[in-house]
Amino acid sequence: MLTYEVVEHGKPLQAKIRETPQPKGSEVLIRITKSGVCHSDLHIWEGYFDLGGGKRFYVKDRGCVPPFTCGHEPYGVVEKVGSGVTGVKVGDRRLVYPWIGCGTCPVCLSGHDNYCLNNQFLGVMKPGAYATHVLVPDARYLIDTGDIDEGWAATLACSGLTAFSAITKLPELIARDWVIVLGCGGLGMAAIAMLHARGVSNIVACDVDAAKLERARAQGASASVDTRNADALVQLQTITGGAIAGALDFVGMPATANLGIAALAKGGHFVMSGLFGGEITMSLPPIAQRGISIRGSYVGSLDELKQVVALARSGKLVPSPVEVRAASEVNRSNADPDRLN
């Protein structure tokens, strides 16, 4: 099989020919037809995440050591199955849930593989979809997406799932409540579409790119704010009447976190999904005095992905803009981070 591998962090991915894995037992071999490219792939390629204050988390410390194949948004065709596989057959086209856990710990048994400490994430801990084939440990991680566009379907395994799971962590919204979406890349666009599909109309898109803000309005946002403006917080308060019940941060940098937390109404929820990096300093008493919640959200569960796919298949969800490139252009994608999920 052909793979595009990180051979050295920060250097161009290299095409390699490797032996195609053969599925055994419950395993399924998927021939990749589409693979989404996520901004996290860029961090893995660089070799670290920025923790702020000059600190870094190096992916090699978790076992992600070159040579390595990224790609955690796999979509493809079942090519071979192990002897114990049921539920799929050769030729079926399926989306792959990549956030696979150990399967035996209490976290996995509760259905939250994505928080497993001994995870087997495809494209992170195990070889991923920047290849012609990927080996999936069990058919239960394969989801039928029907006739929706394959390129968009692939992104549902990460950007769609991450946005959906973050939304589920917001409080129950009432008519006067507003939600602000910080960052209008693939994640933010997916979140806006999902909020709109779930009947939320009071959405403010926040970004520094005028073109993205325009697309966000088309995606379902009812207002937008360029966060480069010095009075961005004042604009948010004016637009929403101070009724911001939720802030979804899909960037994850000090500027977006500080703005999102400051904008919340009393009792509001700030949900961080972005991994851009950095750190913030906060006064502690106002967290209690304002009754706000600050929490993280990391990708999502298998059940949540099934809900995302069901929403997409229902026709209620506006597809996010997707650009399809040949696999051989993977290094151009790495060099173009503004266009990643």
Protein backbone atom coordinates (compact mmCIF):
# COMPACT_ATOMS: atom_id res chain seq x y z
CA MET A 1 0.00 0.00 0.00
CA LEU A 2 1.02 3.64 -0.46
CA THR A 3 1.38 5.90 2.57
CA TYR A 4 2.36 9.55 3.08
CA GLU A 5 4.44 9.55 6.25
CA VAL A 6 5.92 11.96 8.75
CA VAL A 7 9.54 10.84 8.56
CA GLU A 8 10.88 13.85 10.42
CA HIS A 9 8.78 16.40 12.29
CA GLY A 10 8.39 19.63 10.35
CA LYS A 11 9.73 18.15 7.11
CA PRO A 12 7.64 17.28 4.02
CA LEU A 13 5.69 14.03 4.22
CA GLN A 14 7.26 11.26 2.15
CA ALA A 15 5.51 8.69 -0.03
CA LYS A 16 6.38 5.15 1.04
CA ILE A 17 5.35 1.68 -0.09
CA ARG A 18 4.44 -0.52 2.86
CA GLU A 19 3.00 -4.01 3.17
CA THR A 20 -0.79 -3.89 3.19
CA PRO A 21 -2.08 -5.17 6.55
CA GLN A 22 -4.28 -8.27 6.46
CA PRO A 23 -7.34 -8.23 8.74
CA LYS A 24 -7.76 -10.95 11.35
CA GLY A 25 -10.63 -11.80 13.67
CA SER A 26 -12.78 -8.68 14.13
CA GLU A 27 -10.56 -6.43 11.98
CA VAL A 28 -11.63 -4.71 8.76
CA LEU A 29 -9.36 -3.39 6.02
CA ILE A 30 -10.63 -0.15 4.49
CA ARG A 31 -9.40 1.16 1.14
CA ILE A 32 -9.33 4.93 1.62
CA THR A 33 -11.22 7.04 -0.90
CA LYS A 34 -11.34 10.29 1.12
CA SER A 35 -9.38 11.55 4.12
CA GLY A 36 -10.06 14.83 5.86
CA VAL A 37 -7.13 17.03 6.84
CA CYS A 38 -7.37 18.49 10.36
CA HIS A 39 -5.41 21.27 12.01
CA SER A 40 -4.37 18.72 14.66
CA ASP A 41 -2.54 16.88 11.88
CA LEU A 42 -0.42 19.99 11.53
CA HIS A 43 0.48 19.90 15.24
CA ILE A 44 1.36 16.19 15.00
CA TRP A 45 3.45 16.91 11.89
CA GLU A 46 5.25 19.70 13.76
CA GLY A 47 5.74 17.32 16.69
CA TYR A 48 4.24 19.34 19.54
CA PHE A 49 1.35 21.32 20.98
CA ASP A 50 1.97 24.79 22.46
CA LEU A 51 1.09 24.80 26.18
CA GLY A 52 1.99 28.47 26.62
CA GLY A 53 4.69 30.04 28.74
CA GLY A 54 7.37 28.43 26.61
CA LYS A 55 6.10 24.93 27.45
CA ARG A 56 5.38 22.28 24.83
CA PHE A 57 3.72 18.89 24.79
CA TYR A 58 5.72 16.64 22.47
CA VAL A 59 3.71 13.96 20.69
CA LYS A 60 6.64 11.53 20.88
CA ASP A 61 6.05 11.37 24.63
CA ARG A 62 2.72 9.66 23.92
CA GLY A 63 4.19 7.21 21.42
CA CYS A 64 3.66 9.16 18.20
CA VAL A 65 7.18 8.62 16.84
CA PRO A 66 8.22 8.91 13.15
CA PRO A 67 7.90 7.25 10.74
CA PHE A 68 4.20 7.83 11.21
CA THR A 69 1.03 8.07 9.09
CA CYS A 70 -1.42 10.82 10.08
CA GLY A 71 -5.07 11.11 9.06
CA HIS A 72 -7.96 10.71 11.50
CA GLU A 73 -10.88 11.47 9.15
CA PRO A 74 -11.07 8.23 7.12
CA TYR A 75 -13.74 7.28 4.62
CA GLY A 76 -13.51 4.36 2.24
CA VAL A 77 -14.56 0.97 0.94
CA VAL A 78 -14.43 -2.32 2.83
CA GLU A 79 -11.75 -4.31 0.98
CA LYS A 80 -11.19 -7.29 3.28
CA VAL A 81 -12.65 -8.55 6.56
CA GLY A 82 -11.38 -10.84 9.31
CA SER A 83 -12.98 -14.19 9.99
CA GLY A 84 -15.04 -12.90 12.91
CA VAL A 85 -16.54 -9.81 11.23
CA THR A 86 -20.29 -9.34 10.99
CA GLY A 87 -22.37 -6.35 9.95
CA VAL A 88 -20.34 -5.27 6.92
CA LYS A 89 -19.23 -6.90 3.69
CA VAL A 90 -16.63 -6.31 1.02
CA GLY A 91 -17.67 -3.36 -1.14
CA ASP A 92 -19.56 -1.44 1.55
CA ARG A 93 -18.67 2.25 1.74
CA ARG A 94 -18.20 3.44 5.29
CA LEU A 95 -17.08 6.34 7.49
CA VAL A 96 -14.56 5.28 10.14
CA TYR A 97 -14.80 6.39 13.76
CA PRO A 98 -11.11 6.98 14.57
CA TRP A 99 -11.21 7.75 18.32
CA ILE A 100 -10.76 4.15 19.40
CA GLY A 101 -9.95 3.28 23.00
CA CYS A 102 -8.56 0.18 24.65
CA GLY A 103 -12.08 -1.22 24.90
CA THR A 104 -11.72 -2.59 28.44
CA CYS A 105 -11.26 0.35 30.83
CA PRO A 106 -14.23 1.96 32.65
CA VAL A 107 -14.11 4.97 30.32
CA CYS A 108 -14.41 2.80 27.21
CA LEU A 109 -17.10 0.62 28.77
CA SER A 110 -19.11 3.80 29.42
CA GLY A 111 -19.01 4.56 25.69
CA HIS A 112 -16.41 7.34 25.79
CA ASP A 113 -13.44 5.82 23.93
CA ASN A 114 -12.33 9.36 23.09
CA TYR A 115 -11.25 9.90 26.71
CA CYS A 116 -9.40 6.58 27.08
CA LEU A 117 -5.91 6.98 28.57
CA ASN A 118 -4.65 3.95 26.63
CA ASN A 119 -6.17 4.98 23.34
CA GLN A 120 -5.55 3.56 19.89
CA PHE A 121 -6.62 6.62 17.88
CA LEU A 122 -6.19 6.16 14.13
CA GLY A 123 -3.79 8.71 12.71
CA VAL A 124 -2.58 9.63 16.19
CA MET A 125 -1.48 6.43 17.92
CA LYS A 126 -2.08 3.98 15.07
CA PRO A 127 -1.45 4.39 11.31
CA GLY A 128 -4.05 6.68 9.81
CA ALA A 129 -5.73 7.59 6.56
CA TYR A 130 -2.95 9.42 4.70
CA ALA A 131 -2.61 6.12 2.88
CA THR A 132 -4.40 3.87 0.45
CA HIS A 133 -5.51 1.56 3.29
CA VAL A 134 -6.22 1.65 7.01
CA LEU A 135 -6.85 -1.26 9.38
CA VAL A 136 -9.86 -0.84 11.69
CA PRO A 137 -9.99 -3.12 14.77
CA ASP A 138 -13.74 -3.75 14.71
CA ALA A 139 -16.69 -3.25 12.35
CA ARG A 140 -18.60 -1.41 15.06
CA TYR A 141 -16.43 1.62 14.29
CA LEU A 142 -17.81 1.79 10.73
CA ILE A 143 -20.83 3.97 9.95
CA ASP A 144 -23.02 4.02 6.86
CA THR A 145 -23.38 7.64 5.69
CA GLY A 146 -25.82 6.86 2.90
CA ASP A 147 -25.66 9.04 -0.18
CA ILE A 148 -24.16 12.19 1.34
CA ASP A 149 -21.03 13.56 -0.33
CA GLU A 150 -17.98 11.45 0.58
CA GLY A 151 -15.66 14.42 0.99
CA TRP A 152 -18.01 16.03 3.49
CA ALA A 153 -18.72 12.67 5.15
CA ALA A 154 -15.02 12.19 5.94
CA THR A 155 -14.90 15.47 7.88
CA LEU A 156 -17.80 14.37 10.10
CA ALA A 157 -15.46 11.98 11.95
CA CYS A 158 -13.55 14.91 13.43
CA SER A 159 -14.73 18.45 12.71
CA GLY A 160 -18.40 17.46 12.61
CA LEU A 161 -18.12 15.27 15.69
CA THR A 162 -16.05 17.80 17.64
CA ALA A 163 -18.54 20.57 16.91
CA PHE A 164 -21.52 18.39 17.83
CA SER A 165 -20.01 17.20 21.10
CA ALA A 166 -19.11 20.77 22.09
CA ILE A 167 -22.69 21.90 21.42
CA THR A 168 -24.07 19.17 23.68
CA LYS A 169 -22.11 20.71 26.57
CA LEU A 170 -23.98 24.01 26.36
CA PRO A 171 -26.83 24.69 28.81
CA GLU A 172 -30.42 24.24 27.71
CA LEU A 173 -31.09 27.33 25.62
CA ILE A 174 -34.20 29.50 25.70
CA ALA A 175 -35.45 31.99 23.08
CA ARG A 176 -33.50 35.00 24.41
CA ASP A 177 -30.16 33.15 24.64
CA TRP A 178 -27.27 33.69 22.24
CA VAL A 179 -24.32 31.48 21.33
CA ILE A 180 -21.05 32.86 20.00
CA VAL A 181 -18.79 30.73 17.80
CA LEU A 182 -15.12 31.70 18.00
CA GLY A 183 -13.26 30.61 14.87
CA CYS A 184 -15.04 30.00 11.59
CA GLY A 185 -12.88 27.32 10.02
CA GLY A 186 -14.15 23.79 9.47
CA LEU A 187 -15.14 23.34 13.13
CA GLY A 188 -16.88 26.66 13.48
CA MET A 189 -18.77 26.26 10.20
CA ALA A 190 -19.95 22.81 11.27
CA ALA A 191 -21.06 24.15 14.66
CA ILE A 192 -23.03 27.02 13.12
CA ALA A 193 -24.81 24.64 10.75
CA MET A 194 -25.59 22.22 13.58
CA LEU A 195 -26.86 24.93 15.91
CA HIS A 196 -29.09 26.21 13.12
CA ALA A 197 -30.32 22.69 12.35
CA ARG A 198 -31.19 22.25 16.04
CA GLY A 199 -33.36 25.38 16.00
CA VAL A 200 -30.87 27.89 17.44
CA SER A 201 -31.14 31.16 15.55
CA ASN A 202 -29.24 33.55 17.83
CA ILE A 203 -25.68 32.81 16.67
CA VAL A 204 -22.76 35.25 16.38
CA ALA A 205 -19.83 34.17 14.21
CA CYS A 206 -16.46 35.50 15.38
CA ASP A 207 -13.28 35.47 13.29
CA VAL A 208 -10.53 37.70 11.89
CA ASP A 209 -11.23 36.77 8.26
CA ALA A 210 -13.96 38.73 6.48
CA ALA A 211 -14.51 35.99 3.90
CA LYS A 212 -15.03 33.38 6.61
CA LEU A 213 -17.49 35.65 8.41
CA GLU A 214 -19.45 36.05 5.18
CA ARG A 215 -19.59 32.26 4.71
CA ALA A 216 -20.63 31.87 8.33
CA ARG A 217 -23.63 34.09 7.72
CA ALA A 218 -24.59 31.88 4.78
CA GLN A 219 -24.13 28.84 7.04
CA GLY A 220 -26.73 30.13 9.50
CA ALA A 221 -25.13 32.78 11.74
CA SER A 222 -27.41 35.74 12.34
CA ALA A 223 -24.59 38.18 13.11
CA SER A 224 -20.82 38.39 12.92
CA VAL A 225 -17.95 40.20 14.64
CA ASP A 226 -14.39 40.76 13.48
CA THR A 227 -12.49 40.01 16.69
CA ARG A 228 -9.52 42.11 15.60
CA ASN A 229 -11.59 45.17 16.48
CA ALA A 230 -10.69 46.73 19.82
CA ASP A 231 -14.38 46.96 20.73
CA ALA A 232 -15.21 43.34 19.83
CA LEU A 233 -16.54 42.65 23.33
CA VAL A 234 -18.74 45.74 23.23
CA GLN A 235 -20.07 44.68 19.82
CA LEU A 236 -20.93 41.23 21.16
CA GLN A 237 -22.76 42.69 24.17
CA THR A 238 -24.65 45.13 21.93
CA ILE A 239 -25.72 42.49 19.40
CA THR A 240 -26.84 40.02 22.05
CA GLY A 241 -28.19 42.37 24.68
CA GLY A 242 -25.78 40.73 27.11
CA ALA A 243 -27.57 37.38 26.82
CA ILE A 244 -24.67 35.15 25.75
CA ALA A 245 -25.44 31.77 27.28
CA GLY A 246 -22.70 29.88 25.45
CA ALA A 247 -19.32 30.49 23.84
CA LEU A 248 -17.78 27.77 21.67
CA ASP A 249 -14.04 28.29 21.15
CA PHE A 250 -12.74 26.35 18.15
CA VAL A 251 -9.43 28.23 18.08
CA GLY A 252 -8.06 27.75 21.57
CA MET A 253 -5.71 30.67 21.94
CA PRO A 254 -5.49 33.35 24.65
CA ALA A 255 -7.31 36.01 22.62
CA THR A 256 -10.34 33.83 21.87
CA ALA A 257 -10.52 32.33 25.36
CA ASN A 258 -10.35 35.71 27.07
CA LEU A 259 -13.00 37.17 24.77
CA GLY A 260 -15.34 34.19 25.08
CA ILE A 261 -15.17 34.04 28.86
CA ALA A 262 -15.57 37.80 29.26
CA ALA A 263 -18.60 37.85 26.96
CA LEU A 264 -20.64 35.29 28.91
CA ALA A 265 -23.78 36.26 30.76
CA LYS A 266 -24.13 35.07 34.34
CA GLY A 267 -24.55 31.31 34.35
CA GLY A 268 -23.07 31.01 30.86
CA HIS A 269 -20.92 28.17 29.56
CA PHE A 270 -17.54 28.48 27.81
CA VAL A 271 -16.55 25.33 25.91
CA MET A 272 -12.99 24.96 24.61
CA SER A 273 -12.31 22.61 21.69
CA GLY A 274 -9.54 24.40 19.81
CA LEU A 275 -5.91 23.37 20.29
CA PHE A 276 -4.04 26.34 18.83
CA GLY A 277 -2.15 26.76 22.11
CA GLY A 278 -1.12 29.18 24.81
CA GLU A 279 -2.25 29.99 28.32
CA ILE A 280 -4.42 32.52 30.15
CA THR A 281 -4.47 34.02 33.64
CA MET A 282 -7.82 34.44 35.38
CA SER A 283 -9.14 35.95 38.58
CA LEU A 284 -10.88 33.17 40.50
CA PRO A 285 -13.69 34.96 42.45
CA PRO A 286 -15.61 36.09 39.32
CA ILE A 287 -15.99 32.47 38.19
CA ALA A 288 -18.13 31.84 41.26
CA GLN A 289 -19.70 35.29 41.35
CA ARG A 290 -20.83 35.05 37.72
CA GLY A 291 -21.76 31.37 38.03
CA ILE A 292 -20.00 30.55 34.77
CA SER A 293 -18.74 27.17 33.60
CA ILE A 294 -15.44 26.65 31.79
CA ARG A 295 -14.86 23.22 30.32
CA GLY A 296 -13.08 21.37 27.58
CA SER A 297 -14.48 19.11 24.91
CA TYR A 298 -12.32 16.69 22.95
CA VAL A 299 -13.72 15.16 19.73
CA GLY A 300 -16.67 12.92 20.70
CA SER A 301 -18.05 9.45 21.29
CA LEU A 302 -19.08 6.79 18.79
CA ASP A 303 -22.73 7.33 19.69
CA GLU A 304 -22.35 11.07 19.08
CA LEU A 305 -20.86 10.40 15.63
CA LYS A 306 -23.87 8.26 14.80
CA GLN A 307 -26.08 11.21 15.79
CA VAL A 308 -24.02 13.54 13.59
CA VAL A 309 -24.38 11.21 10.60
CA ALA A 310 -28.12 10.87 11.21
CA LEU A 311 -28.42 14.67 11.24
CA ALA A 312 -26.43 14.91 8.01
CA ARG A 313 -28.53 12.24 6.32
CA SER A 314 -31.74 13.97 7.40
CA GLY A 315 -31.00 16.87 5.05
CA LYS A 316 -31.34 19.41 7.88
CA LEU A 317 -27.61 20.10 8.05
CA VAL A 318 -26.00 22.54 5.62
CA PRO A 319 -22.75 20.90 4.39
CA SER A 320 -19.54 22.68 5.29
CA PRO A 321 -17.47 23.97 2.35
CA VAL A 322 -15.02 21.24 1.30
CA GLU A 323 -12.10 21.44 -1.14
CA VAL A 324 -11.03 18.06 -2.55
CA ARG A 325 -7.36 17.56 -3.41
CA ALA A 326 -5.38 14.59 -4.66
CA ALA A 327 -3.53 12.65 -1.96
CA SER A 328 -0.26 13.56 -3.67
CA GLU A 329 -0.93 17.20 -2.69
CA VAL A 330 -0.82 16.43 1.03
CA ASN A 331 2.23 18.64 1.58
CA ARG A 332 0.43 21.60 -0.01
CA SER A 333 -2.37 21.06 2.51
CA ASN A 334 0.11 21.11 5.39
CA ALA A 335 1.48 24.37 4.06
CA ASP A 336 -2.02 25.90 3.92
CA PRO A 337 -3.24 25.67 7.55
CA ASP A 338 -5.93 28.33 7.19
CA ARG A 339 -7.91 25.92 5.00
CA LEU A 340 -7.83 23.02 7.49
CA ASN A 341 -10.60 21.94 9.86
